[in-house]
Amino acid sequence: MKTKKAAAAATSAVALVEAVRPIVTRAMNDPELHDALRRAFATGMDVRDELAGKPPKKAARKIATDKKLQRKVEHSAQDLQKAVTNIVDPPRKGRVRRLVGRVALVGAVAGGTVVALRKLKGRGGEDTPY
């Protein structure tokens, strides 16, 4: 019984490695991806530096009202989107795959933003309207 389970696990592990290998290779060798990640990281660090040391309510208020800071967050998200799209998609192939990757990225960025804003506002588990 164990040998069948072990063989099935090994087969699925090999299939997973083979599916991920082109993505990892592309991520390691793509200079555009590296530049996009560098820009996104630098912009994120700028935003963090502007919010560092502020109480959560003031930081959340600053994010909500400061247009320049909002543009920085938007540029960072766009750079991350470009990086993920380049990893997930080979260039000029399949519009559906590209669309799925973009939707997944936008969802991840939106979810991360909601979590970050909740932490900044100090609303970790308080009564939420939804």
C-alpha atoms as a PDB file:
ATOM      1  CA  MET A   1       0.000   0.000   0.000  1.00  0.00           C
ATOM      2  CA  LYS A   2       2.776   2.422   0.891  1.00  0.00           C
ATOM      3  CA  THR A   3       4.625   1.783  -2.334  1.00  0.00           C
ATOM      4  CA  LYS A   4       1.585   2.763  -4.423  1.00  0.00           C
ATOM      5  CA  LYS A   5       1.129   5.961  -2.408  1.00  0.00           C
ATOM      6  CA  ALA A   6       4.838   6.736  -2.609  1.00  0.00           C
ATOM      7  CA  ALA A   7       4.856   6.113  -6.361  1.00  0.00           C
ATOM      8  CA  ALA A   8       1.808   8.346  -6.823  1.00  0.00           C
ATOM      9  CA  ALA A   9       3.392  11.086  -4.713  1.00  0.00           C
ATOM     10  CA  ALA A  10       6.639  10.851  -6.666  1.00  0.00           C
ATOM     11  CA  THR A  11       4.769  11.025  -9.965  1.00  0.00           C
ATOM     12  CA  SER A  12       2.817  14.088  -8.913  1.00  0.00           C
ATOM     13  CA  ALA A  13       5.992  15.731  -7.579  1.00  0.00           C
ATOM     14  CA  VAL A  14       7.764  15.141 -10.882  1.00  0.00           C
ATOM     15  CA  ALA A  15       4.778  16.550 -12.792  1.00  0.00           C
ATOM     16  CA  LEU A  16       4.762  19.621 -10.546  1.00  0.00           C
ATOM     17  CA  VAL A  17       8.493  20.192 -11.042  1.00  0.00           C
ATOM     18  CA  GLU A  18       8.136  19.861 -14.801  1.00  0.00           C
ATOM     19  CA  ALA A  19       5.227  22.314 -14.831  1.00  0.00           C
ATOM     20  CA  VAL A  20       7.098  24.884 -12.737  1.00  0.00           C
ATOM     21  CA  ARG A  21      10.519  24.525 -14.377  1.00  0.00           C
ATOM     22  CA  PRO A  22       9.850  26.883 -17.358  1.00  0.00           C
ATOM     23  CA  ILE A  23       8.409  29.530 -15.036  1.00  0.00           C
ATOM     24  CA  VAL A  24      11.433  29.395 -12.723  1.00  0.00           C
ATOM     25  CA  THR A  25      13.853  29.442 -15.651  1.00  0.00           C
ATOM     26  CA  ARG A  26      12.098  32.439 -17.162  1.00  0.00           C
ATOM     27  CA  ALA A  27      12.092  34.222 -13.786  1.00  0.00           C
ATOM     28  CA  MET A  28      15.825  33.637 -13.333  1.00  0.00           C
ATOM     29  CA  ASN A  29      16.826  34.816 -16.797  1.00  0.00           C
ATOM     30  CA  ASP A  30      14.435  37.681 -17.573  1.00  0.00           C
ATOM     31  CA  PRO A  31      16.071  41.105 -17.087  1.00  0.00           C
ATOM     32  CA  GLU A  32      12.755  42.916 -17.638  1.00  0.00           C
ATOM     33  CA  LEU A  33      11.263  40.920 -14.775  1.00  0.00           C
ATOM     34  CA  HIS A  34      14.199  41.816 -12.535  1.00  0.00           C
ATOM     35  CA  ASP A  35      13.817  45.511 -13.377  1.00  0.00           C
ATOM     36  CA  ALA A  36      10.064  45.449 -12.741  1.00  0.00           C
ATOM     37  CA  LEU A  37      10.574  43.747  -9.379  1.00  0.00           C
ATOM     38  CA  ARG A  38      13.315  46.197  -8.440  1.00  0.00           C
ATOM     39  CA  ARG A  39      11.101  49.168  -9.276  1.00  0.00           C
ATOM     40  CA  ALA A  40       8.136  47.704  -7.386  1.00  0.00           C
ATOM     41  CA  PHE A  41      10.302  47.002  -4.347  1.00  0.00           C
ATOM     42  CA  ALA A  42      11.847  50.489  -4.393  1.00  0.00           C
ATOM     43  CA  THR A  43       8.443  52.137  -4.670  1.00  0.00           C
ATOM     44  CA  GLY A  44       7.116  49.972  -1.852  1.00  0.00           C
ATOM     45  CA  MET A  45      10.077  50.983   0.306  1.00  0.00           C
ATOM     46  CA  ASP A  46       9.334  54.668  -0.412  1.00  0.00           C
ATOM     47  CA  VAL A  47       5.738  54.187   0.700  1.00  0.00           C
ATOM     48  CA  ARG A  48       6.861  52.336   3.810  1.00  0.00           C
ATOM     49  CA  ASP A  49       9.339  55.091   4.659  1.00  0.00           C
ATOM     50  CA  GLU A  50       6.619  57.738   4.364  1.00  0.00           C
ATOM     51  CA  LEU A  51       4.345  55.795   6.704  1.00  0.00           C
ATOM     52  CA  ALA A  52       7.006  54.625   9.160  1.00  0.00           C
ATOM     53  CA  GLY A  53       6.521  55.751  12.737  1.00  0.00           C
ATOM     54  CA  LYS A  54       2.983  56.988  12.216  1.00  0.00           C
ATOM     55  CA  PRO A  55       0.123  55.634  14.279  1.00  0.00           C
ATOM     56  CA  PRO A  56      -2.188  53.371  12.255  1.00  0.00           C
ATOM     57  CA  LYS A  57      -5.002  55.928  12.001  1.00  0.00           C
ATOM     58  CA  LYS A  58      -2.684  58.642  10.692  1.00  0.00           C
ATOM     59  CA  ALA A  59      -1.054  56.235   8.231  1.00  0.00           C
ATOM     60  CA  ALA A  60      -4.443  55.108   6.928  1.00  0.00           C
ATOM     61  CA  ARG A  61      -5.599  58.728   6.636  1.00  0.00           C
ATOM     62  CA  LYS A  62      -2.425  59.610   4.737  1.00  0.00           C
ATOM     63  CA  ILE A  63      -2.955  56.736   2.288  1.00  0.00           C
ATOM     64  CA  ALA A  64      -6.575  57.746   1.806  1.00  0.00           C
ATOM     65  CA  THR A  65      -5.885  61.442   1.192  1.00  0.00           C
ATOM     66  CA  ASP A  66      -2.384  61.739  -0.290  1.00  0.00           C
ATOM     67  CA  LYS A  67      -2.661  61.488  -4.087  1.00  0.00           C
ATOM     68  CA  LYS A  68       1.113  61.293  -4.550  1.00  0.00           C
ATOM     69  CA  LEU A  69       1.313  58.322  -2.176  1.00  0.00           C
ATOM     70  CA  GLN A  70      -1.604  56.668  -3.950  1.00  0.00           C
ATOM     71  CA  ARG A  71       0.214  57.044  -7.281  1.00  0.00           C
ATOM     72  CA  LYS A  72       3.307  55.415  -5.762  1.00  0.00           C
ATOM     73  CA  VAL A  73       1.230  52.456  -4.577  1.00  0.00           C
ATOM     74  CA  GLU A  74      -0.404  52.245  -8.008  1.00  0.00           C
ATOM     75  CA  HIS A  75       2.969  52.273  -9.790  1.00  0.00           C
ATOM     76  CA  SER A  76       4.250  49.583  -7.462  1.00  0.00           C
ATOM     77  CA  ALA A  77       1.190  47.439  -8.189  1.00  0.00           C
ATOM     78  CA  GLN A  78       1.612  47.976 -11.934  1.00  0.00           C
ATOM     79  CA  ASP A  79       5.267  46.936 -11.749  1.00  0.00           C
ATOM     80  CA  LEU A  80       4.298  43.809  -9.833  1.00  0.00           C
ATOM     81  CA  GLN A  81       1.570  43.100 -12.379  1.00  0.00           C
ATOM     82  CA  LYS A  82       4.082  43.402 -15.203  1.00  0.00           C
ATOM     83  CA  ALA A  83       6.501  41.099 -13.400  1.00  0.00           C
ATOM     84  CA  VAL A  84       3.893  38.422 -12.685  1.00  0.00           C
ATOM     85  CA  THR A  85       2.478  38.643 -16.190  1.00  0.00           C
ATOM     86  CA  ASN A  86       5.951  38.125 -17.624  1.00  0.00           C
ATOM     87  CA  ILE A  87       6.485  35.070 -15.417  1.00  0.00           C
ATOM     88  CA  VAL A  88       3.085  33.467 -15.935  1.00  0.00           C
ATOM     89  CA  ASP A  89       2.827  34.168 -19.648  1.00  0.00           C
ATOM     90  CA  PRO A  90       5.283  33.576 -22.365  1.00  0.00           C
ATOM     91  CA  PRO A  91       5.123  36.636 -24.622  1.00  0.00           C
ATOM     92  CA  ARG A  92       2.522  36.665 -27.407  1.00  0.00           C
ATOM     93  CA  LYS A  93       0.745  33.455 -26.451  1.00  0.00           C
ATOM     94  CA  GLY A  94      -2.818  32.805 -25.351  1.00  0.00           C
ATOM     95  CA  ARG A  95      -4.968  35.760 -24.446  1.00  0.00           C
ATOM     96  CA  VAL A  96      -6.961  33.658 -21.975  1.00  0.00           C
ATOM     97  CA  ARG A  97      -3.888  32.711 -19.934  1.00  0.00           C
ATOM     98  CA  ARG A  98      -2.761  36.334 -19.860  1.00  0.00           C
ATOM     99  CA  LEU A  99      -6.218  37.446 -18.727  1.00  0.00           C
ATOM    100  CA  VAL A 100      -6.305  34.835 -15.948  1.00  0.00           C
ATOM    101  CA  GLY A 101      -2.854  35.910 -14.744  1.00  0.00           C
ATOM    102  CA  ARG A 102      -3.873  39.566 -14.677  1.00  0.00           C
ATOM    103  CA  VAL A 103      -7.129  38.869 -12.875  1.00  0.00           C
ATOM    104  CA  ALA A 104      -5.264  36.778 -10.303  1.00  0.00           C
ATOM    105  CA  LEU A 105      -2.707  39.540  -9.797  1.00  0.00           C
ATOM    106  CA  VAL A 106      -5.332  42.262  -9.430  1.00  0.00           C
ATOM    107  CA  GLY A 107      -7.200  40.103  -6.928  1.00  0.00           C
ATOM    108  CA  ALA A 108      -4.023  39.449  -4.957  1.00  0.00           C
ATOM    109  CA  VAL A 109      -3.081  43.136  -4.907  1.00  0.00           C
ATOM    110  CA  ALA A 110      -6.607  44.140  -3.876  1.00  0.00           C
ATOM    111  CA  GLY A 111      -6.660  41.536  -1.120  1.00  0.00           C
ATOM    112  CA  GLY A 112      -3.245  42.602   0.123  1.00  0.00           C
ATOM    113  CA  THR A 113      -4.315  46.233   0.124  1.00  0.00           C
ATOM    114  CA  VAL A 114      -7.434  45.451   2.155  1.00  0.00           C
ATOM    115  CA  VAL A 115      -5.415  43.481   4.701  1.00  0.00           C
ATOM    116  CA  ALA A 116      -2.794  46.221   4.941  1.00  0.00           C
ATOM    117  CA  LEU A 117      -5.390  48.952   5.386  1.00  0.00           C
ATOM    118  CA  ARG A 118      -7.163  46.940   8.083  1.00  0.00           C
ATOM    119  CA  LYS A 119      -3.914  46.454   9.950  1.00  0.00           C
ATOM    120  CA  LEU A 120      -3.080  50.132   9.610  1.00  0.00           C
ATOM    121  CA  LYS A 121      -6.512  51.132  10.846  1.00  0.00           C
ATOM    122  CA  GLY A 122      -6.308  48.652  13.706  1.00  0.00           C
ATOM    123  CA  ARG A 123      -9.416  46.764  12.642  1.00  0.00           C
ATOM    124  CA  GLY A 124      -7.952  43.284  12.874  1.00  0.00           C
ATOM    125  CA  GLY A 125     -11.043  41.513  14.164  1.00  0.00           C
ATOM    126  CA  GLU A 126     -13.460  44.218  15.242  1.00  0.00           C
ATOM    127  CA  ASP A 127     -17.050  44.195  14.065  1.00  0.00           C
ATOM    128  CA  THR A 128     -17.045  44.552  10.318  1.00  0.00           C
ATOM    129  CA  PRO A 129     -20.225  45.400   8.390  1.00  0.00           C
ATOM    130  CA  TYR A 130     -19.911  42.420   6.070  1.00  0.00           C
END
